[in-house]
């Protein structure tokens, strides 16, 4: 009985909301959430990223303007696993 409960248990709420992702160049074109100190600052589509993952810019949408976020200022990028999968599969292979 215990094994069946493990198979059908609801996913952890944190996994539904997203995961923190530090390889920012992979995220170009993806819908992400920008957080700082655990608070959601803005959501949007990644438009531009510095190659060293030090900063990124989200595209403008009707409700919010285009904005630049720097990792050194404490901003983190969070993305849902479902949105991340297509971005990883189209990323170029290094080596």
Protein backbone atom coordinates (compact mmCIF):
# COMPACT_ATOMS: atom_id res chain seq x y z
CA UNK A 1 0.00 0.00 0.00
CA UNK A 2 2.80 2.41 0.81
CA UNK A 3 4.39 1.97 -2.62
CA UNK A 4 1.11 2.86 -4.34
CA UNK A 5 0.87 6.07 -2.30
CA UNK A 6 4.34 7.06 -3.50
CA UNK A 7 3.38 6.49 -7.12
CA UNK A 8 0.25 8.61 -6.99
CA UNK A 9 1.35 11.36 -4.65
CA UNK A 10 0.89 14.93 -5.90
CA UNK A 11 4.08 16.68 -7.05
CA UNK A 12 5.84 18.99 -4.63
CA UNK A 13 4.46 22.56 -4.94
CA UNK A 14 7.96 23.97 -5.54
CA UNK A 15 8.40 21.84 -8.66
CA UNK A 16 5.16 23.19 -10.11
CA UNK A 17 6.24 26.79 -9.67
CA UNK A 18 9.63 26.39 -11.24
CA UNK A 19 13.29 25.89 -10.65
CA UNK A 20 16.11 28.36 -10.32
CA UNK A 21 18.27 28.25 -13.43
CA UNK A 22 21.75 29.80 -13.65
CA UNK A 23 22.75 29.10 -17.28
CA UNK A 24 21.02 32.21 -18.59
CA UNK A 25 22.12 32.06 -22.28
CA UNK A 26 20.09 28.86 -22.67
CA UNK A 27 16.94 30.79 -21.74
CA UNK A 28 16.72 33.13 -24.76
CA UNK A 29 13.14 33.04 -26.02
CA UNK A 30 11.83 31.34 -22.88
CA UNK A 31 9.18 32.60 -20.45
CA UNK A 32 10.80 33.11 -17.04
CA UNK A 33 10.18 34.64 -13.65
CA UNK A 34 12.69 37.09 -12.14
CA UNK A 35 13.02 36.91 -8.35
CA UNK A 36 15.02 38.81 -5.78
CA UNK A 37 15.21 37.68 -2.15
CA UNK A 38 12.37 35.23 -2.83
CA UNK A 39 9.99 37.87 -4.21
CA UNK A 40 8.76 37.77 -7.81
CA UNK A 41 9.82 41.01 -9.50
CA UNK A 42 8.70 40.42 -13.07
CA UNK A 43 7.78 37.69 -15.53
CA UNK A 44 8.44 37.76 -19.25
CA UNK A 45 10.30 36.37 -22.23
CA UNK A 46 14.10 36.52 -22.26
CA UNK A 47 15.20 38.78 -25.11
CA UNK A 48 18.94 39.18 -24.57
CA UNK A 49 21.55 37.59 -22.31
CA UNK A 50 25.21 38.31 -21.59
CA UNK A 51 27.33 35.26 -22.58
CA UNK A 52 28.70 34.91 -19.04
CA UNK A 53 25.17 34.86 -17.49
CA UNK A 54 25.84 38.12 -15.65
CA UNK A 55 22.74 39.92 -16.95
CA UNK A 56 19.65 39.56 -19.10
CA UNK A 57 16.84 41.62 -20.56
CA UNK A 58 13.17 40.70 -20.73
CA UNK A 59 11.00 41.80 -23.65
CA UNK A 60 8.39 44.47 -23.14
CA UNK A 61 4.77 43.44 -22.89
CA UNK A 62 1.60 45.55 -22.66
CA UNK A 63 1.69 45.65 -18.85
CA UNK A 64 5.43 46.05 -18.19
CA UNK A 65 8.31 47.74 -19.94
CA UNK A 66 11.53 46.09 -21.14
CA UNK A 67 13.87 45.69 -18.21
CA UNK A 68 17.50 44.72 -17.56
CA UNK A 69 18.41 42.42 -14.64
CA UNK A 70 21.90 41.79 -13.28
CA UNK A 71 22.91 38.69 -11.33
CA UNK A 72 25.28 40.82 -9.21
CA UNK A 73 22.26 42.82 -7.98
CA UNK A 74 20.79 39.64 -6.51
CA UNK A 75 18.32 38.75 -9.27
CA UNK A 76 17.57 35.09 -9.94
CA UNK A 77 15.86 33.47 -12.92
CA UNK A 78 13.21 30.82 -12.31
CA UNK A 79 11.55 28.75 -15.01
CA UNK A 80 9.04 25.92 -15.02
CA UNK A 81 10.50 22.54 -16.01
CA UNK A 82 7.92 22.34 -18.81
CA UNK A 83 9.15 25.64 -20.31
CA UNK A 84 12.81 24.73 -19.84
CA UNK A 85 12.74 21.41 -21.71
CA UNK A 86 12.36 22.83 -25.27
CA UNK A 87 15.09 25.41 -24.61
CA UNK A 88 17.59 22.78 -23.47
CA UNK A 89 16.86 20.49 -26.41
CA UNK A 90 17.62 23.24 -28.96
CA UNK A 91 20.76 24.54 -27.19
CA UNK A 92 23.99 23.99 -29.14
CA UNK A 93 26.30 21.22 -27.97
CA UNK A 94 29.65 22.55 -26.77
CA UNK A 95 32.82 20.69 -27.44
